[in-house]
C-alpha atoms as a PDB file:
ATOM      1  CA  MET A   1      42.501 114.371  69.387  1.00  0.00           C
ATOM      2  CA  THR A   2      42.890 111.465  68.960  1.00  0.00           C
ATOM      3  CA  SER A   3      46.474 111.518  67.180  1.00  0.00           C
ATOM      4  CA  HIS A   4      49.862 111.435  69.058  1.00  0.00           C
ATOM      5  CA  THR A   5      53.229 112.214  69.184  1.00  0.00           C
ATOM      6  CA  THR A   6      55.475 109.333  68.737  1.00  0.00           C
ATOM      7  CA  PRO A   7      58.784 109.725  69.888  1.00  0.00           C
ATOM      8  CA  ALA A   8      61.650 107.604  67.780  1.00  0.00           C
ATOM      9  CA  ASP A   9      63.590 105.215  70.435  1.00  0.00           C
ATOM     10  CA  PRO A  10      66.562 107.284  72.409  1.00  0.00           C
ATOM     11  CA  PRO A  11      69.864 106.499  71.109  1.00  0.00           C
ATOM     12  CA  PRO A  12      71.788 104.502  74.231  1.00  0.00           C
ATOM     13  CA  ALA A  13      72.988 107.569  76.896  1.00  0.00           C
ATOM     14  CA  GLY A  14      76.854 108.007  76.558  1.00  0.00           C
ATOM     15  CA  SER A  15      76.718 107.062  72.525  1.00  0.00           C
ATOM     16  CA  ARG A  16      77.709 109.255  69.486  1.00  0.00           C
ATOM     17  CA  ALA A  17      74.636 109.443  68.550  1.00  0.00           C
ATOM     18  CA  ALA A  18      73.366 110.324  71.534  1.00  0.00           C
ATOM     19  CA  ARG A  19      75.233 113.470  71.766  1.00  0.00           C
ATOM     20  CA  ARG A  20      74.921 114.686  68.392  1.00  0.00           C
ATOM     21  CA  ARG A  21      71.019 114.143  69.109  1.00  0.00           C
ATOM     22  CA  LEU A  22      71.304 116.557  72.173  1.00  0.00           C
ATOM     23  CA  VAL A  23      73.593 119.113  70.571  1.00  0.00           C
ATOM     24  CA  ARG A  24      70.530 118.926  67.552  1.00  0.00           C
ATOM     25  CA  GLU A  25      68.084 120.146  70.438  1.00  0.00           C
ATOM     26  CA  LEU A  26      70.240 122.631  72.007  1.00  0.00           C
ATOM     27  CA  LEU A  27      70.909 124.375  68.318  1.00  0.00           C
ATOM     28  CA  LEU A  28      66.662 124.238  67.492  1.00  0.00           C
ATOM     29  CA  VAL A  29      65.996 125.509  71.126  1.00  0.00           C
ATOM     30  CA  ALA A  30      68.944 128.494  70.702  1.00  0.00           C
ATOM     31  CA  GLY A  31      67.750 129.432  67.337  1.00  0.00           C
ATOM     32  CA  LEU A  32      64.442 129.633  68.213  1.00  0.00           C
ATOM     33  CA  PHE A  33      64.887 131.706  71.155  1.00  0.00           C
ATOM     34  CA  ALA A  34      67.186 134.032  69.192  1.00  0.00           C
ATOM     35  CA  VAL A  35      64.380 134.588  66.282  1.00  0.00           C
ATOM     36  CA  TYR A  36      61.806 134.906  68.875  1.00  0.00           C
ATOM     37  CA  LYS A  37      64.329 137.535  69.986  1.00  0.00           C
ATOM     38  CA  ALA A  38      64.982 139.400  67.504  1.00  0.00           C
ATOM     39  CA  GLY A  39      61.752 139.420  66.135  1.00  0.00           C
ATOM     40  CA  ARG A  40      60.440 141.439  68.913  1.00  0.00           C
ATOM     41  CA  THR A  41      62.984 144.167  68.568  1.00  0.00           C
ATOM     42  CA  LEU A  42      61.255 144.900  65.323  1.00  0.00           C
ATOM     43  CA  ALA A  43      58.286 146.475  67.444  1.00  0.00           C
ATOM     44  CA  THR A  44      60.934 149.181  69.551  1.00  0.00           C
ATOM     45  CA  GLY A  45      60.535 152.253  67.588  1.00  0.00           C
ATOM     46  CA  ARG A  46      56.504 152.535  67.455  1.00  0.00           C
ATOM     47  CA  THR A  47      56.159 154.204  70.541  1.00  0.00           C
ATOM     48  CA  ASP A  48      52.914 156.147  69.779  1.00  0.00           C
ATOM     49  CA  GLU A  49      51.313 153.164  68.635  1.00  0.00           C
ATOM     50  CA  ALA A  50      52.464 151.372  72.071  1.00  0.00           C
ATOM     51  CA  PHE A  51      50.682 153.494  74.019  1.00  0.00           C
ATOM     52  CA  ARG A  52      47.427 154.693  72.188  1.00  0.00           C
ATOM     53  CA  ASN A  53      46.929 150.639  72.064  1.00  0.00           C
ATOM     54  CA  ALA A  54      48.012 150.626  76.267  1.00  0.00           C
ATOM     55  CA  ALA A  55      45.022 153.319  76.663  1.00  0.00           C
ATOM     56  CA  TRP A  56      42.609 150.908  74.222  1.00  0.00           C
ATOM     57  CA  ILE A  57      43.617 147.601  76.870  1.00  0.00           C
ATOM     58  CA  TRP A  58      42.675 149.305  79.845  1.00  0.00           C
ATOM     59  CA  ASP A  59      39.554 150.888  78.558  1.00  0.00           C
ATOM     60  CA  ALA A  60      38.615 147.958  77.549  1.00  0.00           C
ATOM     61  CA  GLU A  61      39.244 145.725  81.168  1.00  0.00           C
ATOM     62  CA  ARG A  62      37.181 148.304  82.859  1.00  0.00           C
ATOM     63  CA  VAL A  63      34.442 147.903  80.186  1.00  0.00           C
ATOM     64  CA  LEU A  64      34.777 143.880  81.035  1.00  0.00           C
ATOM     65  CA  ARG A  65      35.001 144.358  84.563  1.00  0.00           C
ATOM     66  CA  LEU A  66      37.859 142.775  85.273  1.00  0.00           C
ATOM     67  CA  PRO A  67      40.035 143.635  88.596  1.00  0.00           C
ATOM     68  CA  GLY A  68      42.179 146.767  88.616  1.00  0.00           C
ATOM     69  CA  GLU A  69      45.931 145.477  88.202  1.00  0.00           C
ATOM     70  CA  GLY A  70      46.415 148.697  91.207  1.00  0.00           C
ATOM     71  CA  ALA A  71      44.363 145.530  93.748  1.00  0.00           C
ATOM     72  CA  ILE A  72      47.293 143.230  93.507  1.00  0.00           C
ATOM     73  CA  GLN A  73      50.418 146.042  93.075  1.00  0.00           C
ATOM     74  CA  ARG A  74      49.175 147.383  96.579  1.00  0.00           C
ATOM     75  CA  LEU A  75      49.094 143.833  98.164  1.00  0.00           C
ATOM     76  CA  LEU A  76      53.241 143.475  97.295  1.00  0.00           C
ATOM     77  CA  LEU A  77      53.825 146.888  98.577  1.00  0.00           C
ATOM     78  CA  HIS A  78      52.819 146.453 101.807  1.00  0.00           C
ATOM     79  CA  GLY A  79      56.312 145.524 102.339  1.00  0.00           C
ATOM     80  CA  ASP A  80      60.011 145.812 100.709  1.00  0.00           C
ATOM     81  CA  ALA A  81      60.751 142.483 101.271  1.00  0.00           C
ATOM     82  CA  LEU A  82      58.045 141.839  99.791  1.00  0.00           C
ATOM     83  CA  ILE A  83      58.100 143.280  95.979  1.00  0.00           C
ATOM     84  CA  HIS A  84      61.464 142.737  96.535  1.00  0.00           C
ATOM     85  CA  VAL A  85      60.706 139.025  95.894  1.00  0.00           C
ATOM     86  CA  ALA A  86      57.985 139.174  93.123  1.00  0.00           C
ATOM     87  CA  ASN A  87      61.003 141.668  91.569  1.00  0.00           C
ATOM     88  CA  THR A  88      63.275 138.786  91.550  1.00  0.00           C
ATOM     89  CA  TYR A  89      60.494 136.105  90.628  1.00  0.00           C
ATOM     90  CA  TYR A  90      59.853 138.105  87.678  1.00  0.00           C
ATOM     91  CA  ALA A  91      63.480 138.460  86.636  1.00  0.00           C
ATOM     92  CA  ALA A  92      65.229 135.622  87.369  1.00  0.00           C
ATOM     93  CA  VAL A  93      62.976 132.822  87.408  1.00  0.00           C
ATOM     94  CA  HIS A  94      61.192 132.424  83.958  1.00  0.00           C
ATOM     95  CA  PHE A  95      64.032 131.391  81.624  1.00  0.00           C
ATOM     96  CA  PRO A  96      66.018 128.992  84.305  1.00  0.00           C
ATOM     97  CA  ALA A  97      62.730 127.207  85.235  1.00  0.00           C
ATOM     98  CA  THR A  98      61.832 127.085  81.512  1.00  0.00           C
ATOM     99  CA  ALA A  99      65.686 125.616  80.696  1.00  0.00           C
ATOM    100  CA  LEU A 100      65.340 123.136  83.418  1.00  0.00           C
ATOM    101  CA  PHE A 101      62.016 121.962  82.963  1.00  0.00           C
ATOM    102  CA  LEU A 102      62.757 120.918  79.108  1.00  0.00           C
ATOM    103  CA  GLY A 103      66.308 119.830  79.857  1.00  0.00           C
ATOM    104  CA  TRP A 104      63.901 117.144  82.580  1.00  0.00           C
ATOM    105  CA  LEU A 105      61.786 116.109  80.076  1.00  0.00           C
ATOM    106  CA  TYR A 106      64.153 115.366  77.345  1.00  0.00           C
ATOM    107  CA  LEU A 107      66.263 112.982  80.264  1.00  0.00           C
ATOM    108  CA  ARG A 108      63.296 111.383  81.413  1.00  0.00           C
ATOM    109  CA  ARG A 109      60.074 112.060  79.095  1.00  0.00           C
ATOM    110  CA  PRO A 110      61.564 112.311  75.650  1.00  0.00           C
ATOM    111  CA  GLY A 111      58.074 111.852  74.586  1.00  0.00           C
ATOM    112  CA  HIS A 112      56.565 114.568  76.629  1.00  0.00           C
ATOM    113  CA  TYR A 113      59.916 116.785  75.678  1.00  0.00           C
ATOM    114  CA  LEU A 114      58.957 116.936  72.093  1.00  0.00           C
ATOM    115  CA  TRP A 115      55.061 117.535  72.785  1.00  0.00           C
ATOM    116  CA  THR A 116      56.202 120.505  75.077  1.00  0.00           C
ATOM    117  CA  ARG A 117      58.853 121.822  72.504  1.00  0.00           C
ATOM    118  CA  ARG A 118      56.596 121.827  69.761  1.00  0.00           C
ATOM    119  CA  VAL A 119      53.533 123.531  71.760  1.00  0.00           C
ATOM    120  CA  LEU A 120      55.737 126.377  73.124  1.00  0.00           C
ATOM    121  CA  ALA A 121      57.309 126.947  70.005  1.00  0.00           C
ATOM    122  CA  VAL A 122      53.633 127.283  68.115  1.00  0.00           C
ATOM    123  CA  LEU A 123      53.263 129.667  71.510  1.00  0.00           C
ATOM    124  CA  THR A 124      56.118 132.052  70.951  1.00  0.00           C
ATOM    125  CA  GLY A 125      54.903 132.014  67.188  1.00  0.00           C
ATOM    126  CA  ALA A 126      51.824 133.809  67.746  1.00  0.00           C
ATOM    127  CA  ALA A 127      52.807 135.565  70.224  1.00  0.00           C
ATOM    128  CA  LEU A 128      55.312 136.947  68.253  1.00  0.00           C
ATOM    129  CA  ALA A 129      52.972 137.541  65.611  1.00  0.00           C
ATOM    130  CA  ILE A 130      50.926 139.799  67.851  1.00  0.00           C
ATOM    131  CA  HIS A 131      54.199 141.824  69.357  1.00  0.00           C
ATOM    132  CA  LEU A 132      54.817 142.771  65.847  1.00  0.00           C
ATOM    133  CA  SER A 133      51.148 143.610  64.954  1.00  0.00           C
ATOM    134  CA  PHE A 134      50.167 144.816  67.633  1.00  0.00           C
ATOM    135  CA  PRO A 135      52.870 146.623  70.312  1.00  0.00           C
ATOM    136  CA  LEU A 136      51.804 147.355  73.418  1.00  0.00           C
ATOM    137  CA  ALA A 137      52.966 149.654  76.925  1.00  0.00           C
ATOM    138  CA  PRO A 138      53.180 147.587  80.144  1.00  0.00           C
ATOM    139  CA  PRO A 139      50.519 148.977  82.359  1.00  0.00           C
ATOM    140  CA  ARG A 140      53.607 150.748  84.627  1.00  0.00           C
ATOM    141  CA  MET A 141      53.933 153.401  82.150  1.00  0.00           C
ATOM    142  CA  LEU A 142      50.842 153.938  81.791  1.00  0.00           C
ATOM    143  CA  ASP A 143      49.809 156.927  83.494  1.00  0.00           C
ATOM    144  CA  ALA A 144      45.979 156.498  84.005  1.00  0.00           C
ATOM    145  CA  ALA A 145      46.994 153.705  85.603  1.00  0.00           C
ATOM    146  CA  HIS A 146      48.954 155.292  88.213  1.00  0.00           C
ATOM    147  CA  LEU A 147      50.856 152.144  88.917  1.00  0.00           C
ATOM    148  CA  VAL A 148      54.598 152.003  90.300  1.00  0.00           C
ATOM    149  CA  ASP A 149      57.460 150.940  88.012  1.00  0.00           C
ATOM    150  CA  THR A 150      58.206 148.376  91.063  1.00  0.00           C
ATOM    151  CA  GLY A 151      61.630 147.172  89.343  1.00  0.00           C
ATOM    152  CA  GLN A 152      63.295 150.462  89.025  1.00  0.00           C
ATOM    153  CA  VAL A 153      61.775 151.908  92.515  1.00  0.00           C
ATOM    154  CA  TYR A 154      62.654 148.743  94.146  1.00  0.00           C
ATOM    155  CA  GLY A 155      64.645 146.812  92.186  1.00  0.00           C
ATOM    156  CA  PRO A 156      65.777 144.385  90.734  1.00  0.00           C
ATOM    157  CA  THR A 157      65.061 145.398  87.215  1.00  0.00           C
ATOM    158  CA  VAL A 158      65.773 143.712  83.791  1.00  0.00           C
ATOM    159  CA  TYR A 159      65.058 146.821  81.640  1.00  0.00           C
ATOM    160  CA  ARG A 160      66.397 149.838  81.214  1.00  0.00           C
ATOM    161  CA  ALA A 161      64.388 153.383  82.682  1.00  0.00           C
ATOM    162  CA  ALA A 162      63.877 154.909  78.788  1.00  0.00           C
ATOM    163  CA  PRO A 163      62.696 151.989  76.442  1.00  0.00           C
ATOM    164  CA  ALA A 164      64.196 153.381  73.944  1.00  0.00           C
ATOM    165  CA  ALA A 165      67.496 152.999  75.725  1.00  0.00           C
ATOM    166  CA  ASP A 166      66.581 149.014  76.086  1.00  0.00           C
ATOM    167  CA  THR A 167      68.947 147.244  73.253  1.00  0.00           C
ATOM    168  CA  MET A 168      67.856 143.729  75.006  1.00  0.00           C
ATOM    169  CA  ALA A 169      64.887 144.104  75.662  1.00  0.00           C
ATOM    170  CA  ASN A 170      61.478 145.611  73.830  1.00  0.00           C
ATOM    171  CA  GLN A 171      59.035 146.646  76.475  1.00  0.00           C
ATOM    172  CA  PHE A 172      56.425 147.067  73.995  1.00  0.00           C
ATOM    173  CA  ALA A 173      55.900 143.737  74.172  1.00  0.00           C
ATOM    174  CA  ALA A 174      53.032 143.226  76.928  1.00  0.00           C
ATOM    175  CA  MET A 175      50.720 141.326  74.729  1.00  0.00           C
ATOM    176  CA  PRO A 176      50.997 138.179  75.427  1.00  0.00           C
ATOM    177  CA  SER A 177      52.638 137.608  78.790  1.00  0.00           C
ATOM    178  CA  LEU A 178      54.650 134.775  77.717  1.00  0.00           C
ATOM    179  CA  HIS A 179      56.137 134.533  81.856  1.00  0.00           C
ATOM    180  CA  PHE A 180      52.586 133.383  81.883  1.00  0.00           C
ATOM    181  CA  GLY A 181      51.815 131.188  78.546  1.00  0.00           C
ATOM    182  CA  TRP A 182      55.611 129.322  79.551  1.00  0.00           C
ATOM    183  CA  ALA A 183      54.737 129.145  83.226  1.00  0.00           C
ATOM    184  CA  LEU A 184      51.122 127.579  82.579  1.00  0.00           C
ATOM    185  CA  MET A 185      52.854 125.247  79.676  1.00  0.00           C
ATOM    186  CA  LEU A 186      55.824 124.105  82.359  1.00  0.00           C
ATOM    187  CA  ALA A 187      52.698 122.939  84.794  1.00  0.00           C
ATOM    188  CA  LEU A 188      50.354 121.280  82.370  1.00  0.00           C
ATOM    189  CA  GLY A 189      53.845 119.731  81.483  1.00  0.00           C
ATOM    190  CA  MET A 190      54.480 118.270  84.894  1.00  0.00           C
ATOM    191  CA  ILE A 191      51.588 117.429  85.227  1.00  0.00           C
ATOM    192  CA  ALA A 192      51.235 115.066  81.833  1.00  0.00           C
ATOM    193  CA  ALA A 193      54.902 113.358  82.623  1.00  0.00           C
ATOM    194  CA  THR A 194      54.452 112.503  85.835  1.00  0.00           C
ATOM    195  CA  ARG A 195      52.137 110.294  87.777  1.00  0.00           C
ATOM    196  CA  SER A 196      52.369 112.110  91.649  1.00  0.00           C
ATOM    197  CA  ARG A 197      49.129 112.271  93.708  1.00  0.00           C
ATOM    198  CA  TRP A 198      50.748 115.922  94.483  1.00  0.00           C
ATOM    199  CA  ARG A 199      51.508 116.766  90.890  1.00  0.00           C
ATOM    200  CA  ALA A 200      48.349 119.413  90.680  1.00  0.00           C
ATOM    201  CA  LEU A 201      50.813 121.570  93.084  1.00  0.00           C
ATOM    202  CA  TRP A 202      52.192 123.075  89.375  1.00  0.00           C
ATOM    203  CA  LEU A 203      49.485 125.073  89.347  1.00  0.00           C
ATOM    204  CA  LEU A 204      51.095 126.894  92.243  1.00  0.00           C
ATOM    205  CA  HIS A 205      53.674 128.664  89.637  1.00  0.00           C
ATOM    206  CA  PRO A 206      51.619 130.053  86.693  1.00  0.00           C
ATOM    207  CA  LEU A 207      49.298 131.255  89.590  1.00  0.00           C
ATOM    208  CA  VAL A 208      52.574 133.026  91.361  1.00  0.00           C
ATOM    209  CA  THR A 209      53.675 134.153  88.032  1.00  0.00           C
ATOM    210  CA  LEU A 210      49.897 135.678  86.731  1.00  0.00           C
ATOM    211  CA  LEU A 211      50.149 137.923  90.260  1.00  0.00           C
ATOM    212  CA  VAL A 212      53.872 138.734  89.855  1.00  0.00           C
ATOM    213  CA  VAL A 213      53.197 139.621  86.201  1.00  0.00           C
ATOM    214  CA  VAL A 214      50.294 142.226  87.466  1.00  0.00           C
ATOM    215  CA  GLY A 215      51.697 143.355  90.646  1.00  0.00           C
ATOM    216  CA  THR A 216      54.768 144.152  89.049  1.00  0.00           C
ATOM    217  CA  ALA A 217      52.821 146.355  86.873  1.00  0.00           C
ATOM    218  CA  ASN A 218      54.844 144.489  83.963  1.00  0.00           C
ATOM    219  CA  HIS A 219      51.299 142.688  82.558  1.00  0.00           C
ATOM    220  CA  TYR A 220      47.769 143.700  82.348  1.00  0.00           C
ATOM    221  CA  TRP A 221      44.967 140.688  82.993  1.00  0.00           C
ATOM    222  CA  LEU A 222      44.596 140.480  79.528  1.00  0.00           C
ATOM    223  CA  ASP A 223      48.249 139.636  78.503  1.00  0.00           C
ATOM    224  CA  ALA A 224      47.329 136.688  80.266  1.00  0.00           C
ATOM    225  CA  ILE A 225      43.988 136.062  79.120  1.00  0.00           C
ATOM    226  CA  VAL A 226      45.200 136.357  75.785  1.00  0.00           C
ATOM    227  CA  ALA A 227      48.374 133.928  76.246  1.00  0.00           C
ATOM    228  CA  THR A 228      46.188 131.561  77.930  1.00  0.00           C
ATOM    229  CA  VAL A 229      43.790 130.804  74.673  1.00  0.00           C
ATOM    230  CA  LEU A 230      47.148 131.215  72.494  1.00  0.00           C
ATOM    231  CA  LEU A 231      48.029 128.052  74.701  1.00  0.00           C
ATOM    232  CA  GLY A 232      45.238 126.099  74.323  1.00  0.00           C
ATOM    233  CA  ALA A 233      45.025 126.592  70.445  1.00  0.00           C
ATOM    234  CA  ALA A 234      48.354 125.025  70.275  1.00  0.00           C
ATOM    235  CA  LEU A 235      47.401 122.289  72.806  1.00  0.00           C
ATOM    236  CA  LEU A 236      44.477 121.603  69.911  1.00  0.00           C
ATOM    237  CA  LEU A 237      47.186 121.524  67.228  1.00  0.00           C
ATOM    238  CA  VAL A 238      50.386 119.799  68.053  1.00  0.00           C
ATOM    239  CA  PRO A 239      49.486 116.153  69.204  1.00  0.00           C
ATOM    240  CA  ARG A 240      49.729 114.752  72.438  1.00  0.00           C
ATOM    241  CA  PRO A 241      52.268 112.269  73.522  1.00  0.00           C
ATOM    242  CA  VAL A 242      52.133 108.693  73.167  1.00  0.00           C
ATOM    243  CA  PRO A 243      52.123 107.236  76.733  1.00  0.00           C
ATOM    244  CA  GLU A 244      55.499 105.920  77.878  1.00  0.00           C
ATOM    245  CA  PRO A 245      55.963 102.529  79.591  1.00  0.00           C
ATOM    246  CA  HIS A 246      56.192 104.650  83.628  1.00  0.00           C
ATOM    247  CA  ALA A 247      53.125 105.956  82.380  1.00  0.00           C
ATOM    248  CA  ARG A 248      51.128 103.288  81.671  1.00  0.00           C
ATOM    249  CA  SER A 249      49.146 102.030  84.698  1.00  0.00           C
ATOM    250  CA  ALA A 250      50.428  98.954  86.292  1.00  0.00           C
ATOM    251  CA  ARG A 251      47.704  97.141  85.490  1.00  0.00           C
ATOM    252  CA  GLU A 252      48.236  96.265  82.065  1.00  0.00           C
ATOM    253  CA  SER A 253      51.287  94.720  82.882  1.00  0.00           C
ATOM    254  CA  ALA A 254      50.173  92.610  86.033  1.00  0.00           C
ATOM    255  CA  PRO A 255      49.096  89.344  85.830  1.00  0.00           C
ATOM    256  CA  VAL A 256      45.313  88.246  86.106  1.00  0.00           C
ATOM    257  CA  PRO A 257      44.805  86.313  89.741  1.00  0.00           C
ATOM    258  CA  ALA A 258      43.462  83.012  88.791  1.00  0.00           C
ATOM    259  CA  GLY A 259      39.627  82.679  90.293  1.00  0.00           C
ATOM    260  CA  PRO A 260      39.624  80.287  93.605  1.00  0.00           C
ATOM    261  CA  SER A 261      39.481  76.888  92.911  1.00  0.00           C
ATOM    262  CA  VAL A 262      35.820  74.991  93.647  1.00  0.00           C
ATOM    263  CA  PRO A 263      35.559  71.512  94.779  1.00  0.00           C
ATOM    264  CA  ARG A 264      33.718  69.392  92.525  1.00  0.00           C
ATOM    265  CA  PRO A 265      31.041  67.425  93.923  1.00  0.00           C
ATOM    266  CA  VAL A 266      32.048  63.613  93.833  1.00  0.00           C
ATOM    267  CA  ARG A 267      28.502  61.197  93.242  1.00  0.00           C
ATOM    268  CA  ARG A 268      27.151  58.781  95.844  1.00  0.00           C
ATOM    269  CA  PRO A 269      26.230  55.846  94.168  1.00  0.00           C
ATOM    270  CA  ALA A 270      23.073  53.545  95.817  1.00  0.00           C
ATOM    271  CA  PRO A 271      23.275  50.743  98.133  1.00  0.00           C
ATOM    272  CA  GLY A 272      24.033  47.923  96.050  1.00  0.00           C
ATOM    273  CA  ALA A 273      24.446  49.415  92.701  1.00  0.00           C
ATOM    274  CA  PRO A 274      27.392  48.508  91.295  1.00  0.00           C
ATOM    275  CA  ALA A 275      30.732  51.668  90.717  1.00  0.00           C
ATOM    276  CA  ALA A 276      30.709  53.410  87.660  1.00  0.00           C
ATOM    277  CA  SER A 277      33.160  53.427  85.380  1.00  0.00           C
ATOM    278  CA  GLY A 278      32.772  56.775  84.307  1.00  0.00           C
ATOM    279  CA  PRO A 279      33.669  60.166  85.341  1.00  0.00           C
ATOM    280  CA  ASP A 280      32.395  61.504  88.294  1.00  0.00           C
ATOM    281  CA  LEU A 281      28.455  63.012  88.132  1.00  0.00           C
ATOM    282  CA  PRO A 282      27.304  66.319  90.193  1.00  0.00           C
ATOM    283  CA  VAL A 283      24.424  64.756  92.452  1.00  0.00           C
ATOM    284  CA  ARG A 284      21.825  67.311  93.829  1.00  0.00           C
ATOM    285  CA  ALA A 285      22.186  68.088  97.553  1.00  0.00           C
ATOM    286  CA  ASP A 286      18.179  67.971  97.719  1.00  0.00           C
ATOM    287  CA  VAL A 287      17.910  64.276  96.422  1.00  0.00           C
ATOM    288  CA  ASP A 288      18.610  61.066  98.392  1.00  0.00           C
ATOM    289  CA  PRO A 289      20.227  58.629  96.638  1.00  0.00           C
ATOM    290  CA  ALA A 290      18.390  56.035  98.583  1.00  0.00           C
ATOM    291  CA  ALA A 291      15.422  57.016  97.707  1.00  0.00           C
ATOM    292  CA  HIS A 292      15.988  56.102  94.109  1.00  0.00           C
ATOM    293  CA  VAL A 293      16.249  52.362  94.441  1.00  0.00           C
ATOM    294  CA  PRO A 294      13.896  50.266  92.797  1.00  0.00           C
ATOM    295  CA  ALA A 295      10.711  48.916  95.010  1.00  0.00           C
ATOM    296  CA  THR A 296      11.590  44.731  94.243  1.00  0.00           C
ATOM    297  CA  ALA A 297      15.028  45.374  95.440  1.00  0.00           C
ATOM    298  CA  GLY A 298      14.187  43.205  98.172  1.00  0.00           C
ATOM    299  CA  ALA A 299      11.880  40.860  96.459  1.00  0.00           C
ATOM    300  CA  GLY A 300      12.178  37.441  96.802  1.00  0.00           C
ATOM    301  CA  ARG A 301      14.050  36.927  99.835  1.00  0.00           C
END
């Protein structure tokens, strides 16, 4: 794609216009999130359908020969401390990390902020449509998976033991995994907005998130795969941000150094010849000026 997201010039920091813009952005993001949370609850009561879909996803993963989610969980269950850290990462990192990411972009990279906000809005809207049309019980609830609900057993957890009693979250909205989708967009956004030679390390965040959501049995592998496909589609739909001044190559603004000066050769006049009044002309180095003296120059002596 050749189109770009061109941000308007931000108002000066501390001005009334800047404060209005900040309040408008906060209300917009909060409103989008509230719509998403409200929409997720519409699929809460479809328990039978959610478990049928879970059995279908489990069988589809075996047909596709994807690794079992239990292999990751067994690694985490080697120690209580490790699984506790994984549960904490799942419960406490998702929203704060995304909020800090958006806040930093808003303050430091406004063009990338608009791009990221739009991509996340498209991704989240598509995810909500799938949550409503395809309710899915997570693998921790599926008897065929033989997985441990690590949040309930080891803590901490953000879910109630009974999905019907959970009024704050829809536990049947496993596909796609927005934990992974948002984490992947965070990494891609930071890589696009920064120029550090170490910026590829941001990809560790979605990698760790993937291991956590699968190892804690909150998501299937296919949940992350679908989130990746939706994010790719959103990135194709939303125009890229225009490169900001900080991101342009230094050689675009650096002066071009002048080339080394080459001395002009001076013409040596022939013996007895009058000095030329015109500009000096180059003399071939392989020609002796004396050789061009006429043969009759010495006659009459």
